[in-house]
Amino acid sequence: MKLEDKGNVVYSFSAQHSPVAELAGGETLVVETADCFDGQIHETGQILDAIDMNRINPATGPFYIPFAEPGDVLEIEILDIKVGQQGILVSKPGLGVLGHELSSQEVEILDLSAPSVTLAPGLTLPVQPMLGVIGVAPKEGEAGCGSPGPHGGNLDTQEICSGSKVFLPVFHPGALLALGDVHALMGDGEVSGAGIETSGEVKIRVNIRQDMQLDGPRVETDQGLYILCSASSLEEAIQRASLAGVEYLQAVHNLSFSRAYSLAGAACNLQISQVVNPLHTVKFFIPHSLMVLHK
């Protein structure tokens, strides 16, 4: 099954959006996604300021998941991500952590028809597709697709790639899942404010988990578990992610807080997903040897 991205996108996550289709538990779906600029950039040198910024980060959906109820957890398997034929590389004054150092903007179209992408003469890197935006309707109100939160959203976490699983808490009947913002390549932090942006096709399978309780997104890879937390400051995001990680270790291994805290310092990794969205996202990594996923 495929759904065209045009006409089937939202620019926010909300329980008020009407679903475009149903996606039953265990069903596989290929979702076509627009690039983060919603197809508005067509050529190298195009003026970035001229595009409609209200159309940034469109997400295809939302999809209604029958029998998903508040308190459940949505498990989304990322089975495959295919990138579009072209990638978009941008820099702009004010964009990213060093945008104040720029005096002019640059827009470049890159060829993504091969397994590697050329960024400059003699500089070629392998394409590593990942998904920037994935989320459900938030507990209250509306959340723009450009921002992350407990519902997911613009997490910009490079581990959300082929072979990973994303876990999201369900806040409303049917969950209302939507996704988009594929990158051909993006580094931790997304320091320039963008990776190599592209359209794509994302193959997913959704399952409803009633053996878990979550208050925010998690990602599982073949390496381990990432607990994601987003906040208005990096310091707050670090505090939240660290506390969530330590409490996880405390619960699944029946440890005192002090011992779990020491274990986190010895065996876990605190990493940055992104620092350029309205809220910053930090990930606390727990290796598989310390995991008990259903807790």
Protein backbone atom coordinates (compact mmCIF):
# COMPACT_ATOMS: atom_id res chain seq x y z
CA MET A 1 0.00 0.00 0.00
CA LYS A 2 1.26 3.49 -0.82
CA LEU A 3 -0.07 6.95 -0.08
CA GLU A 4 0.97 9.94 -2.13
CA ASP A 5 2.55 12.67 -0.03
CA LYS A 6 0.75 15.48 -1.85
CA GLY A 7 -2.62 16.09 -0.28
CA ASN A 8 -1.92 13.63 2.53
CA VAL A 9 0.33 15.73 4.75
CA VAL A 10 -0.08 17.66 7.97
CA TYR A 11 2.12 20.41 9.37
CA SER A 12 1.29 19.66 12.98
CA PHE A 13 0.36 16.79 15.26
CA SER A 14 -3.13 17.09 16.71
CA ALA A 15 -6.09 14.95 17.76
CA GLN A 16 -8.21 17.26 15.58
CA HIS A 17 -6.70 16.04 12.32
CA SER A 18 -8.80 13.58 10.32
CA PRO A 19 -6.95 10.36 9.51
CA VAL A 20 -6.08 9.70 5.87
CA ALA A 21 -6.18 5.91 6.31
CA GLU A 22 -6.27 3.10 8.84
CA LEU A 23 -3.20 1.01 9.59
CA ALA A 24 -3.94 -2.19 11.48
CA GLY A 25 -1.53 -3.67 13.98
CA GLY A 26 0.95 -5.93 12.19
CA GLU A 27 0.20 -4.39 8.80
CA THR A 28 3.05 -3.17 6.59
CA LEU A 29 2.81 0.20 4.87
CA VAL A 30 5.07 2.16 2.52
CA VAL A 31 4.71 5.87 3.25
CA GLU A 32 5.77 8.42 0.68
CA THR A 33 7.19 11.56 2.29
CA ALA A 34 7.95 15.03 1.00
CA ASP A 35 11.27 16.69 1.80
CA CYS A 36 11.36 19.10 4.74
CA PHE A 37 10.83 22.05 2.39
CA ASP A 38 7.66 20.43 0.96
CA GLY A 39 9.05 20.34 -2.58
CA GLN A 40 9.57 24.11 -2.75
CA ILE A 41 13.30 23.98 -3.60
CA HIS A 42 14.10 22.98 -7.17
CA GLU A 43 17.52 24.32 -8.11
CA THR A 44 20.95 25.24 -6.80
CA GLY A 45 21.15 28.89 -5.82
CA GLN A 46 17.44 29.25 -5.12
CA ILE A 47 16.57 31.89 -2.53
CA LEU A 48 15.66 30.10 0.68
CA ASP A 49 13.93 33.17 2.12
CA ALA A 50 11.36 33.05 -0.71
CA ILE A 51 9.76 29.75 0.31
CA ASP A 52 6.66 29.43 2.51
CA MET A 53 8.02 28.60 5.97
CA ASN A 54 4.55 27.50 7.09
CA ARG A 55 5.08 24.40 4.93
CA ILE A 56 8.27 23.22 6.64
CA ASN A 57 8.56 19.60 7.82
CA PRO A 58 5.35 18.12 6.39
CA ALA A 59 4.42 14.71 7.79
CA THR A 60 2.46 12.16 5.79
CA GLY A 61 -0.69 11.03 7.62
CA PRO A 62 -2.10 10.84 10.13
CA PHE A 63 -2.87 7.13 10.21
CA TYR A 64 -5.52 5.75 12.54
CA ILE A 65 -4.36 2.61 14.35
CA PRO A 66 -7.47 0.58 15.32
CA PHE A 67 -7.53 -0.60 18.95
CA ALA A 68 -4.72 1.73 20.01
CA GLU A 69 -5.93 3.42 23.20
CA PRO A 70 -4.52 5.99 25.62
CA GLY A 71 -1.98 4.31 27.87
CA ASP A 72 -0.85 1.88 25.17
CA VAL A 73 2.48 2.15 23.37
CA LEU A 74 2.86 2.25 19.61
CA GLU A 75 5.78 0.20 18.31
CA ILE A 76 6.81 1.31 14.81
CA GLU A 77 9.32 -0.88 13.02
CA ILE A 78 11.34 1.04 10.42
CA LEU A 79 11.75 -1.71 7.84
CA ASP A 80 13.35 0.34 5.08
CA ILE A 81 14.00 3.94 4.00
CA LYS A 82 14.58 4.88 0.37
CA VAL A 83 15.72 8.39 -0.45
CA GLY A 84 14.56 10.49 -3.39
CA GLN A 85 16.63 11.26 -6.47
CA GLN A 86 17.85 14.60 -5.18
CA GLY A 87 19.09 15.97 -1.87
CA ILE A 88 19.08 19.54 -0.66
CA LEU A 89 21.98 21.09 1.26
CA VAL A 90 21.39 24.54 2.75
CA SER A 91 23.08 27.10 4.97
CA LYS A 92 21.60 30.41 6.01
CA PRO A 93 22.39 33.29 8.36
CA GLY A 94 20.73 32.58 11.69
CA LEU A 95 20.25 28.88 10.98
CA GLY A 96 21.89 26.39 13.31
CA VAL A 97 24.34 26.91 16.14
CA LEU A 98 26.80 28.99 14.05
CA GLY A 99 24.32 30.79 11.83
CA HIS A 100 25.52 34.11 13.26
CA GLU A 101 28.85 33.52 11.48
CA LEU A 102 27.19 33.51 8.03
CA SER A 103 26.59 36.56 5.86
CA SER A 104 24.89 34.83 2.91
CA GLN A 105 22.81 31.76 2.21
CA GLU A 106 23.61 28.76 0.03
CA VAL A 107 21.26 26.21 -1.53
CA GLU A 108 22.66 23.25 -3.44
CA ILE A 109 20.93 20.32 -5.12
CA LEU A 110 22.80 17.02 -4.74
CA ASP A 111 22.46 13.84 -6.79
CA LEU A 112 21.25 10.91 -4.67
CA SER A 113 21.00 8.32 -7.45
CA ALA A 114 24.07 6.44 -6.17
CA PRO A 115 24.82 4.84 -2.77
CA SER A 116 27.21 7.74 -2.06
CA VAL A 117 26.74 11.49 -2.34
CA THR A 118 29.36 14.00 -3.46
CA LEU A 119 29.48 17.12 -1.27
CA ALA A 120 32.52 18.71 -2.91
CA PRO A 121 35.22 17.67 -5.39
CA GLY A 122 37.00 14.70 -3.85
CA LEU A 123 34.58 14.57 -0.90
CA THR A 124 32.11 11.70 -1.16
CA LEU A 125 30.19 10.13 1.74
CA PRO A 126 27.88 7.10 1.91
CA VAL A 127 24.17 7.79 2.03
CA GLN A 128 22.72 6.83 5.43
CA PRO A 129 18.95 7.40 5.32
CA MET A 130 17.17 8.35 8.54
CA LEU A 131 13.78 9.70 9.53
CA GLY A 132 13.55 13.12 11.17
CA VAL A 133 9.84 13.37 12.04
CA ILE A 134 7.66 10.64 13.52
CA GLY A 135 4.93 11.13 16.08
CA VAL A 136 1.37 10.77 17.30
CA ALA A 137 -1.25 13.27 18.41
CA PRO A 138 0.00 14.94 21.61
CA LYS A 139 -1.89 14.68 24.87
CA GLU A 140 -3.09 18.28 24.66
CA GLY A 141 -3.37 20.88 21.94
CA GLU A 142 -1.32 21.00 18.76
CA ALA A 143 2.41 20.52 18.19
CA GLY A 144 4.06 21.78 15.01
CA CYS A 145 5.94 19.21 12.93
CA GLY A 146 9.11 21.24 13.44
CA SER A 147 9.24 20.58 17.17
CA PRO A 148 9.78 17.40 19.27
CA GLY A 149 8.09 16.35 22.50
CA PRO A 150 6.66 13.40 24.43
CA HIS A 151 4.52 12.60 21.37
CA GLY A 152 7.61 12.28 19.14
CA GLY A 153 7.61 14.84 16.33
CA ASN A 154 10.81 16.38 14.96
CA LEU A 155 13.20 14.21 16.95
CA ASP A 156 16.01 14.38 14.35
CA THR A 157 17.67 11.31 15.83
CA GLN A 158 19.94 9.49 13.39
CA GLU A 159 19.20 6.10 15.00
CA ILE A 160 15.66 6.28 13.58
CA CYS A 161 16.75 4.39 10.51
CA SER A 162 16.20 1.09 8.74
CA GLY A 163 16.18 -1.75 11.24
CA SER A 164 15.24 0.33 14.28
CA LYS A 165 12.03 0.41 16.29
CA VAL A 166 10.40 3.58 17.56
CA PHE A 167 8.19 3.44 20.67
CA LEU A 168 5.67 6.23 21.27
CA PRO A 169 3.08 6.64 24.03
CA VAL A 170 -0.54 6.75 22.81
CA PHE A 171 -2.55 9.72 24.06
CA HIS A 172 -5.71 9.46 21.92
CA PRO A 173 -7.77 6.60 20.42
CA GLY A 174 -6.14 5.50 17.16
CA ALA A 175 -2.87 7.28 18.05
CA LEU A 176 -2.91 9.30 14.77
CA LEU A 177 0.58 8.46 13.55
CA ALA A 178 2.35 10.64 10.98
CA LEU A 179 5.93 10.74 9.67
CA GLY A 180 8.25 12.59 7.30
CA ASP A 181 11.48 14.61 7.00
CA VAL A 182 13.81 11.97 5.55
CA HIS A 183 17.53 12.78 5.50
CA ALA A 184 20.08 11.15 3.22
CA LEU A 185 22.68 12.04 5.84
CA MET A 186 22.55 13.87 9.18
CA GLY A 187 25.07 14.11 11.99
CA ASP A 188 24.36 14.18 15.71
CA GLY A 189 23.30 17.67 16.74
CA GLU A 190 22.31 18.70 13.20
CA VAL A 191 24.50 21.70 14.01
CA SER A 192 23.90 23.62 10.76
CA GLY A 193 20.13 23.35 11.15
CA ALA A 194 19.74 20.80 8.34
CA GLY A 195 21.16 17.55 7.04
CA ILE A 196 20.94 16.44 3.43
CA GLU A 197 17.19 16.87 3.09
CA THR A 198 15.22 14.70 0.70
CA SER A 199 11.91 13.08 -0.08
CA GLY A 200 11.60 9.37 0.49
CA GLU A 201 9.70 6.15 0.92
CA VAL A 202 9.53 4.70 4.41
CA LYS A 203 8.38 1.13 4.93
CA ILE A 204 6.93 0.58 8.40
CA ARG A 205 5.06 -1.99 10.43
CA VAL A 206 3.05 -0.94 13.47
CA ASN A 207 2.21 -2.96 16.56
CA ILE A 208 0.28 -2.03 19.69
CA ARG A 209 2.08 -2.77 22.96
CA GLN A 210 0.06 -3.08 26.15
CA ASP A 211 2.96 -4.51 28.16
CA MET A 212 4.76 -1.16 28.30
CA GLN A 213 4.15 2.23 29.88
CA LEU A 214 5.98 5.23 28.45
CA ASP A 215 5.87 8.98 28.92
CA GLY A 216 8.05 9.77 25.93
CA PRO A 217 9.76 8.33 22.84
CA ARG A 218 12.29 5.52 22.80
CA VAL A 219 14.27 3.95 19.96
CA GLU A 220 15.65 0.43 19.89
CA THR A 221 18.49 -0.60 17.57
CA ASP A 222 20.65 -3.71 17.37
CA GLN A 223 23.04 -1.88 19.69
CA GLY A 224 20.63 -1.04 22.48
CA LEU A 225 17.95 1.34 23.71
CA TYR A 226 17.79 5.13 23.39
CA ILE A 227 15.56 7.11 25.75
CA LEU A 228 14.78 10.48 24.14
CA CYS A 229 13.94 13.66 26.04
CA SER A 230 13.34 17.15 24.67
CA ALA A 231 13.37 20.48 26.50
CA SER A 232 13.77 24.20 25.90
CA SER A 233 17.38 24.12 27.10
CA LEU A 234 20.07 21.54 26.52
CA GLU A 235 20.78 21.40 30.26
CA GLU A 236 17.16 20.53 31.04
CA ALA A 237 17.06 17.89 28.30
CA ILE A 238 20.24 16.35 29.73
CA GLN A 239 18.74 16.27 33.21
CA ARG A 240 15.51 14.66 32.01
CA ALA A 241 17.20 12.05 29.83
CA SER A 242 19.69 11.15 32.54
CA LEU A 243 16.98 10.80 35.17
CA ALA A 244 14.84 8.66 32.86
CA GLY A 245 17.82 6.44 32.08
CA VAL A 246 18.83 5.98 35.70
CA GLU A 247 15.24 5.25 36.76
CA TYR A 248 15.02 2.66 33.98
CA LEU A 249 18.15 0.90 35.24
CA GLN A 250 16.89 1.13 38.80
CA ALA A 251 13.55 -0.48 37.91
CA VAL A 252 14.68 -3.28 35.59
CA HIS A 253 17.63 -4.40 37.70
CA ASN A 254 16.10 -3.78 41.14
CA LEU A 255 18.87 -1.40 42.16
CA SER A 256 19.06 1.53 44.53
CA PHE A 257 19.09 4.92 42.84
CA SER A 258 22.71 5.37 43.88
CA ARG A 259 23.82 2.08 42.33
CA ALA A 260 21.79 2.67 39.14
CA TYR A 261 23.35 6.14 38.90
CA SER A 262 26.82 4.62 39.17
CA LEU A 263 25.93 1.99 36.56
CA ALA A 264 24.80 4.73 34.18
CA GLY A 265 28.13 6.48 34.59
CA ALA A 266 30.04 3.28 33.94
CA ALA A 267 28.12 1.71 31.06
CA CYS A 268 25.68 4.15 29.42
CA ASN A 269 26.15 7.05 27.01
CA LEU A 270 24.55 10.48 27.03
CA GLN A 271 24.33 11.84 23.48
CA ILE A 272 22.77 14.74 21.58
CA SER A 273 20.22 14.20 18.83
CA GLN A 274 19.69 17.83 17.84
CA VAL A 275 20.13 21.35 19.24
CA VAL A 276 18.48 23.38 16.46
CA ASN A 277 14.73 22.77 16.85
CA PRO A 278 12.43 24.76 19.16
CA LEU A 279 13.19 22.12 21.80
CA HIS A 280 16.56 20.36 22.10
CA THR A 281 16.62 16.55 22.07
CA VAL A 282 19.03 14.40 24.09
CA LYS A 283 19.31 10.61 23.99
CA PHE A 284 20.39 8.34 26.82
CA PHE A 285 21.85 5.11 25.43
CA ILE A 286 21.55 1.82 27.29
CA PRO A 287 23.44 -1.12 25.73
CA HIS A 288 21.55 -4.34 25.02
CA SER A 289 23.32 -6.10 27.86
CA LEU A 290 21.45 -3.84 30.31
CA MET A 291 18.07 -3.75 28.55
CA VAL A 292 14.67 -5.03 29.55
CA LEU A 293 12.51 -3.32 26.95
CA HIS A 294 9.04 -3.82 28.41
CA LYS A 295 9.83 -1.88 31.57
